[in-house]
């Protein structure tokens, strides 16, 4: 349930703008994992969905996916790092992350 805040000018109660942030970040992470060429991306996404969206404890989510807790922590950390990097690059450049990736590849050639 979204939090509500009071608009002090009008006195009206309205949904908090911060309520949309968790949903936005979940979509960013899912998009990043789905676009990743890394072979572990589907497992990392499945793990992320269980831990962050379904709120399962990491150990339980790892067991449900047949992972060792250390491997699960590694996958989540890697996914979060990739998302942070893509998001930071997109914000700094003002471009969608796919355009940045294509530019990086062109620069590397």
N, C-alpha and C. Protein backbone atom coordinates (compact mmCIF):
# COMPACT_ATOMS: atom_id res chain seq x y z
N UNK A 1 0.84 -1.18 0.00
CA UNK A 1 0.00 0.00 0.00
C UNK A 1 0.88 1.24 0.00
N UNK A 2 0.68 2.17 -0.95
CA UNK A 2 1.52 3.34 -1.01
C UNK A 2 1.34 4.23 0.20
N UNK A 3 2.45 4.82 0.60
CA UNK A 3 2.37 5.78 1.69
C UNK A 3 1.67 7.03 1.21
N UNK A 4 1.06 7.73 2.15
CA UNK A 4 0.40 8.99 1.81
C UNK A 4 1.10 10.12 2.53
N UNK A 5 1.14 11.26 1.87
CA UNK A 5 1.72 12.45 2.49
C UNK A 5 0.67 13.55 2.44
N UNK A 6 0.88 14.55 3.25
CA UNK A 6 -0.04 15.68 3.27
C UNK A 6 0.59 16.84 2.53
N UNK A 7 -0.15 17.40 1.61
CA UNK A 7 0.28 18.59 0.91
C UNK A 7 -0.03 19.76 1.85
N UNK A 8 1.01 20.36 2.38
CA UNK A 8 0.81 21.39 3.40
C UNK A 8 0.17 22.65 2.86
N UNK A 9 0.27 22.89 1.56
CA UNK A 9 -0.36 24.07 0.98
C UNK A 9 -1.88 23.89 0.93
N UNK A 10 -2.33 22.69 0.47
CA UNK A 10 -3.77 22.49 0.32
C UNK A 10 -4.37 21.72 1.48
N UNK A 11 -3.55 21.02 2.24
CA UNK A 11 -4.05 20.20 3.33
C UNK A 11 -4.56 18.85 2.87
N UNK A 12 -4.50 18.60 1.57
CA UNK A 12 -5.00 17.33 1.01
C UNK A 12 -3.97 16.22 1.21
N UNK A 13 -4.47 14.99 1.32
CA UNK A 13 -3.61 13.82 1.42
C UNK A 13 -3.45 13.23 0.02
N UNK A 14 -2.20 12.91 -0.34
CA UNK A 14 -1.93 12.36 -1.67
C UNK A 14 -0.87 11.26 -1.57
N UNK A 15 -0.82 10.36 -2.55
CA UNK A 15 0.19 9.30 -2.51
C UNK A 15 1.59 9.90 -2.56
N UNK A 16 2.50 9.30 -1.84
CA UNK A 16 3.88 9.76 -1.82
C UNK A 16 4.56 9.44 -3.14
N UNK A 17 5.37 10.36 -3.63
CA UNK A 17 6.13 10.11 -4.86
C UNK A 17 7.14 9.00 -4.64
N UNK A 18 7.62 8.84 -3.42
CA UNK A 18 8.61 7.81 -3.12
C UNK A 18 8.02 6.41 -3.22
N UNK A 19 6.72 6.28 -3.21
CA UNK A 19 6.08 4.97 -3.27
C UNK A 19 6.36 4.27 -4.59
N UNK A 20 6.65 5.00 -5.64
CA UNK A 20 6.91 4.42 -6.95
C UNK A 20 8.35 3.95 -7.11
N UNK A 21 9.25 4.36 -6.24
CA UNK A 21 10.67 4.03 -6.40
C UNK A 21 10.95 2.53 -6.35
N UNK A 22 10.43 1.76 -5.38
CA UNK A 22 10.73 0.32 -5.38
C UNK A 22 10.26 -0.40 -6.65
N UNK A 23 9.10 -0.05 -7.14
CA UNK A 23 8.61 -0.66 -8.38
C UNK A 23 9.49 -0.30 -9.57
N UNK A 24 9.90 0.96 -9.61
CA UNK A 24 10.78 1.41 -10.69
C UNK A 24 12.10 0.65 -10.66
N UNK A 25 12.69 0.54 -9.48
CA UNK A 25 13.97 -0.16 -9.37
C UNK A 25 13.83 -1.64 -9.73
N UNK A 26 12.74 -2.26 -9.36
CA UNK A 26 12.52 -3.66 -9.73
C UNK A 26 12.47 -3.81 -11.24
N UNK A 27 11.78 -2.89 -11.91
CA UNK A 27 11.71 -2.96 -13.38
C UNK A 27 13.08 -2.74 -14.00
N UNK A 28 13.87 -1.81 -13.46
CA UNK A 28 15.21 -1.55 -13.99
C UNK A 28 16.07 -2.81 -13.85
N UNK A 29 16.02 -3.44 -12.69
CA UNK A 29 16.83 -4.63 -12.46
C UNK A 29 16.39 -5.78 -13.37
N UNK A 30 15.09 -5.97 -13.50
CA UNK A 30 14.59 -7.03 -14.39
C UNK A 30 15.00 -6.77 -15.83
N UNK A 31 14.89 -5.53 -16.29
CA UNK A 31 15.30 -5.21 -17.65
C UNK A 31 16.78 -5.43 -17.86
N UNK A 32 17.58 -5.08 -16.88
CA UNK A 32 19.02 -5.27 -16.97
C UNK A 32 19.35 -6.76 -17.07
N UNK A 33 18.75 -7.57 -16.23
CA UNK A 33 19.02 -9.00 -16.24
C UNK A 33 18.54 -9.65 -17.52
N UNK A 34 17.39 -9.22 -18.02
CA UNK A 34 16.86 -9.79 -19.26
C UNK A 34 17.71 -9.43 -20.46
N UNK A 35 18.33 -8.26 -20.43
CA UNK A 35 19.16 -7.82 -21.56
C UNK A 35 20.60 -8.34 -21.47
N UNK A 36 20.96 -8.88 -20.34
CA UNK A 36 22.34 -9.33 -20.12
C UNK A 36 22.66 -10.55 -20.96
N UNK A 37 23.89 -10.58 -21.46
CA UNK A 37 24.36 -11.75 -22.22
C UNK A 37 25.05 -12.75 -21.30
N UNK A 38 25.17 -12.42 -20.02
CA UNK A 38 25.83 -13.31 -19.07
C UNK A 38 25.00 -14.58 -18.90
N UNK A 39 25.62 -15.75 -18.93
CA UNK A 39 24.86 -17.00 -18.85
C UNK A 39 24.10 -17.19 -17.54
N UNK A 40 24.52 -16.54 -16.47
CA UNK A 40 23.84 -16.67 -15.18
C UNK A 40 22.72 -15.65 -14.98
N UNK A 41 22.49 -14.78 -15.96
CA UNK A 41 21.48 -13.72 -15.80
C UNK A 41 20.08 -14.26 -15.50
N UNK A 42 19.61 -15.31 -16.18
CA UNK A 42 18.26 -15.81 -15.85
C UNK A 42 18.15 -16.30 -14.40
N UNK A 43 19.18 -16.96 -13.90
CA UNK A 43 19.15 -17.44 -12.52
C UNK A 43 19.22 -16.26 -11.55
N UNK A 44 20.05 -15.27 -11.88
CA UNK A 44 20.15 -14.08 -11.04
C UNK A 44 18.81 -13.35 -10.98
N UNK A 45 18.13 -13.28 -12.11
CA UNK A 45 16.82 -12.62 -12.14
C UNK A 45 15.80 -13.40 -11.33
N UNK A 46 15.80 -14.72 -11.46
CA UNK A 46 14.87 -15.54 -10.68
C UNK A 46 15.12 -15.37 -9.18
N UNK A 47 16.39 -15.33 -8.82
CA UNK A 47 16.76 -15.14 -7.42
C UNK A 47 16.33 -13.76 -6.93
N UNK A 48 16.59 -12.74 -7.74
CA UNK A 48 16.20 -11.37 -7.39
C UNK A 48 14.69 -11.29 -7.17
N UNK A 49 13.92 -11.89 -8.08
CA UNK A 49 12.47 -11.84 -7.96
C UNK A 49 12.00 -12.49 -6.66
N UNK A 50 12.61 -13.60 -6.27
CA UNK A 50 12.21 -14.27 -5.03
C UNK A 50 12.58 -13.43 -3.81
N UNK A 51 13.79 -12.86 -3.82
CA UNK A 51 14.28 -12.13 -2.64
C UNK A 51 13.66 -10.74 -2.54
N UNK A 52 13.68 -10.00 -3.64
CA UNK A 52 13.27 -8.60 -3.57
C UNK A 52 11.78 -8.39 -3.82
N UNK A 53 11.18 -9.18 -4.67
CA UNK A 53 9.77 -8.97 -5.01
C UNK A 53 8.87 -9.81 -4.12
N UNK A 54 9.20 -11.11 -3.99
CA UNK A 54 8.37 -12.00 -3.16
C UNK A 54 8.76 -11.96 -1.69
N UNK A 55 9.87 -11.26 -1.37
CA UNK A 55 10.36 -11.08 0.00
C UNK A 55 10.70 -12.40 0.69
N UNK A 56 11.21 -13.38 -0.07
CA UNK A 56 11.67 -14.62 0.54
C UNK A 56 13.04 -14.38 1.18
N UNK A 57 13.34 -15.03 2.28
CA UNK A 57 14.69 -14.93 2.83
C UNK A 57 15.69 -15.48 1.80
N UNK A 58 16.87 -14.86 1.69
CA UNK A 58 17.84 -15.29 0.68
C UNK A 58 18.18 -16.78 0.75
N UNK A 59 18.31 -17.34 1.94
CA UNK A 59 18.62 -18.77 2.07
C UNK A 59 17.53 -19.65 1.50
N UNK A 60 16.29 -19.30 1.78
CA UNK A 60 15.15 -20.06 1.27
C UNK A 60 15.07 -19.94 -0.25
N UNK A 61 15.26 -18.74 -0.77
CA UNK A 61 15.23 -18.54 -2.22
C UNK A 61 16.34 -19.33 -2.90
N UNK A 62 17.52 -19.34 -2.30
CA UNK A 62 18.65 -20.09 -2.86
C UNK A 62 18.32 -21.57 -2.92
N UNK A 63 17.81 -22.11 -1.83
CA UNK A 63 17.47 -23.55 -1.80
C UNK A 63 16.39 -23.87 -2.82
N UNK A 64 15.40 -23.00 -2.95
CA UNK A 64 14.31 -23.24 -3.90
C UNK A 64 14.82 -23.30 -5.34
N UNK A 65 15.90 -22.59 -5.61
CA UNK A 65 16.48 -22.58 -6.95
C UNK A 65 17.65 -23.55 -7.10
N UNK A 66 17.92 -24.31 -6.04
CA UNK A 66 19.01 -25.28 -6.10
C UNK A 66 20.39 -24.67 -6.02
N UNK A 67 20.50 -23.52 -5.36
CA UNK A 67 21.77 -22.82 -5.23
C UNK A 67 22.31 -22.92 -3.81
N UNK A 68 23.62 -22.85 -3.69
CA UNK A 68 24.26 -22.72 -2.38
C UNK A 68 24.13 -21.25 -1.96
N UNK A 69 24.04 -20.97 -0.67
CA UNK A 69 23.89 -19.57 -0.22
C UNK A 69 24.99 -18.65 -0.74
N UNK A 70 26.22 -19.12 -0.78
CA UNK A 70 27.32 -18.29 -1.28
C UNK A 70 27.17 -17.96 -2.75
N UNK A 71 26.72 -18.95 -3.53
CA UNK A 71 26.49 -18.72 -4.96
C UNK A 71 25.35 -17.73 -5.17
N UNK A 72 24.31 -17.83 -4.35
CA UNK A 72 23.18 -16.91 -4.45
C UNK A 72 23.63 -15.48 -4.13
N UNK A 73 24.41 -15.33 -3.08
CA UNK A 73 24.91 -14.00 -2.72
C UNK A 73 25.75 -13.42 -3.84
N UNK A 74 26.56 -14.25 -4.47
CA UNK A 74 27.41 -13.83 -5.59
C UNK A 74 26.55 -13.34 -6.76
N UNK A 75 25.50 -14.11 -7.09
CA UNK A 75 24.63 -13.73 -8.20
C UNK A 75 23.90 -12.42 -7.93
N UNK A 76 23.36 -12.28 -6.72
CA UNK A 76 22.64 -11.05 -6.38
C UNK A 76 23.57 -9.84 -6.40
N UNK A 77 24.76 -10.01 -5.87
CA UNK A 77 25.73 -8.92 -5.85
C UNK A 77 26.10 -8.51 -7.26
N UNK A 78 26.37 -9.49 -8.11
CA UNK A 78 26.72 -9.19 -9.50
C UNK A 78 25.61 -8.48 -10.24
N UNK A 79 24.38 -8.94 -10.06
CA UNK A 79 23.24 -8.30 -10.72
C UNK A 79 23.07 -6.87 -10.23
N UNK A 80 23.18 -6.68 -8.94
CA UNK A 80 23.02 -5.32 -8.38
C UNK A 80 24.12 -4.39 -8.87
N UNK A 81 25.36 -4.89 -9.00
CA UNK A 81 26.46 -4.07 -9.51
C UNK A 81 26.22 -3.66 -10.96
N UNK A 82 25.77 -4.60 -11.78
CA UNK A 82 25.48 -4.30 -13.18
C UNK A 82 24.38 -3.25 -13.30
N UNK A 83 23.35 -3.40 -12.50
CA UNK A 83 22.24 -2.44 -12.54
C UNK A 83 22.72 -1.07 -12.09
N UNK A 84 23.50 -1.03 -11.02
CA UNK A 84 24.00 0.26 -10.52
C UNK A 84 24.86 0.95 -11.58
N UNK A 85 25.71 0.16 -12.23
CA UNK A 85 26.57 0.73 -13.28
C UNK A 85 25.73 1.24 -14.44
N UNK A 86 24.79 0.44 -14.93
CA UNK A 86 23.95 0.86 -16.04
C UNK A 86 23.11 2.08 -15.69
N UNK A 87 22.55 2.10 -14.50
CA UNK A 87 21.72 3.22 -14.09
C UNK A 87 22.56 4.49 -13.96
N UNK A 88 23.73 4.39 -13.37
CA UNK A 88 24.60 5.56 -13.22
C UNK A 88 25.03 6.09 -14.58
N UNK A 89 25.42 5.19 -15.48
CA UNK A 89 25.82 5.63 -16.82
C UNK A 89 24.66 6.29 -17.56
N UNK A 90 23.48 5.72 -17.44
CA UNK A 90 22.31 6.29 -18.11
C UNK A 90 21.97 7.66 -17.55
N UNK A 91 22.05 7.82 -16.24
CA UNK A 91 21.75 9.11 -15.63
C UNK A 91 22.79 10.16 -15.99
N UNK A 92 24.04 9.76 -16.01
CA UNK A 92 25.11 10.70 -16.33
C UNK A 92 25.08 11.11 -17.80
N UNK A 93 24.77 10.17 -18.65
CA UNK A 93 24.79 10.45 -20.08
C UNK A 93 23.46 11.00 -20.59
N UNK A 94 22.39 10.76 -19.85
CA UNK A 94 21.08 11.19 -20.31
C UNK A 94 20.59 10.35 -21.47
N UNK A 95 21.13 9.13 -21.61
CA UNK A 95 20.74 8.24 -22.69
C UNK A 95 20.26 6.92 -22.10
N UNK A 96 19.40 6.20 -22.81
CA UNK A 96 19.04 4.86 -22.35
C UNK A 96 20.27 3.97 -22.29
N UNK A 97 20.30 3.01 -21.36
CA UNK A 97 21.49 2.19 -21.14
C UNK A 97 21.89 1.38 -22.37
N UNK A 98 20.96 0.94 -23.19
CA UNK A 98 21.33 0.17 -24.39
C UNK A 98 22.14 1.03 -25.35
N UNK A 99 21.79 2.30 -25.47
CA UNK A 99 22.57 3.20 -26.32
C UNK A 99 23.98 3.36 -25.78
N UNK A 100 24.12 3.41 -24.47
CA UNK A 100 25.44 3.53 -23.87
C UNK A 100 26.26 2.28 -24.15
N UNK A 101 25.64 1.09 -24.00
CA UNK A 101 26.34 -0.16 -24.26
C UNK A 101 26.80 -0.22 -25.72
N UNK A 102 25.95 0.20 -26.64
CA UNK A 102 26.32 0.18 -28.04
C UNK A 102 27.47 1.15 -28.30
N UNK A 103 27.45 2.29 -27.63
CA UNK A 103 28.53 3.25 -27.78
C UNK A 103 29.83 2.71 -27.22
N UNK A 104 29.77 2.04 -26.06
CA UNK A 104 30.97 1.45 -25.46
C UNK A 104 31.57 0.41 -26.40
N UNK A 105 30.71 -0.42 -27.00
CA UNK A 105 31.19 -1.44 -27.93
C UNK A 105 31.85 -0.81 -29.14
N UNK A 106 31.27 0.26 -29.66
CA UNK A 106 31.85 0.94 -30.81
C UNK A 106 33.19 1.57 -30.45
N UNK A 107 33.29 2.12 -29.24
CA UNK A 107 34.53 2.73 -28.79
C UNK A 107 35.63 1.68 -28.59
N UNK A 108 35.24 0.47 -28.18
CA UNK A 108 36.21 -0.59 -27.93
C UNK A 108 36.80 -1.16 -29.22
N UNK A 109 36.08 -0.98 -30.33
CA UNK A 109 36.55 -1.56 -31.61
C UNK A 109 37.60 -0.73 -32.25
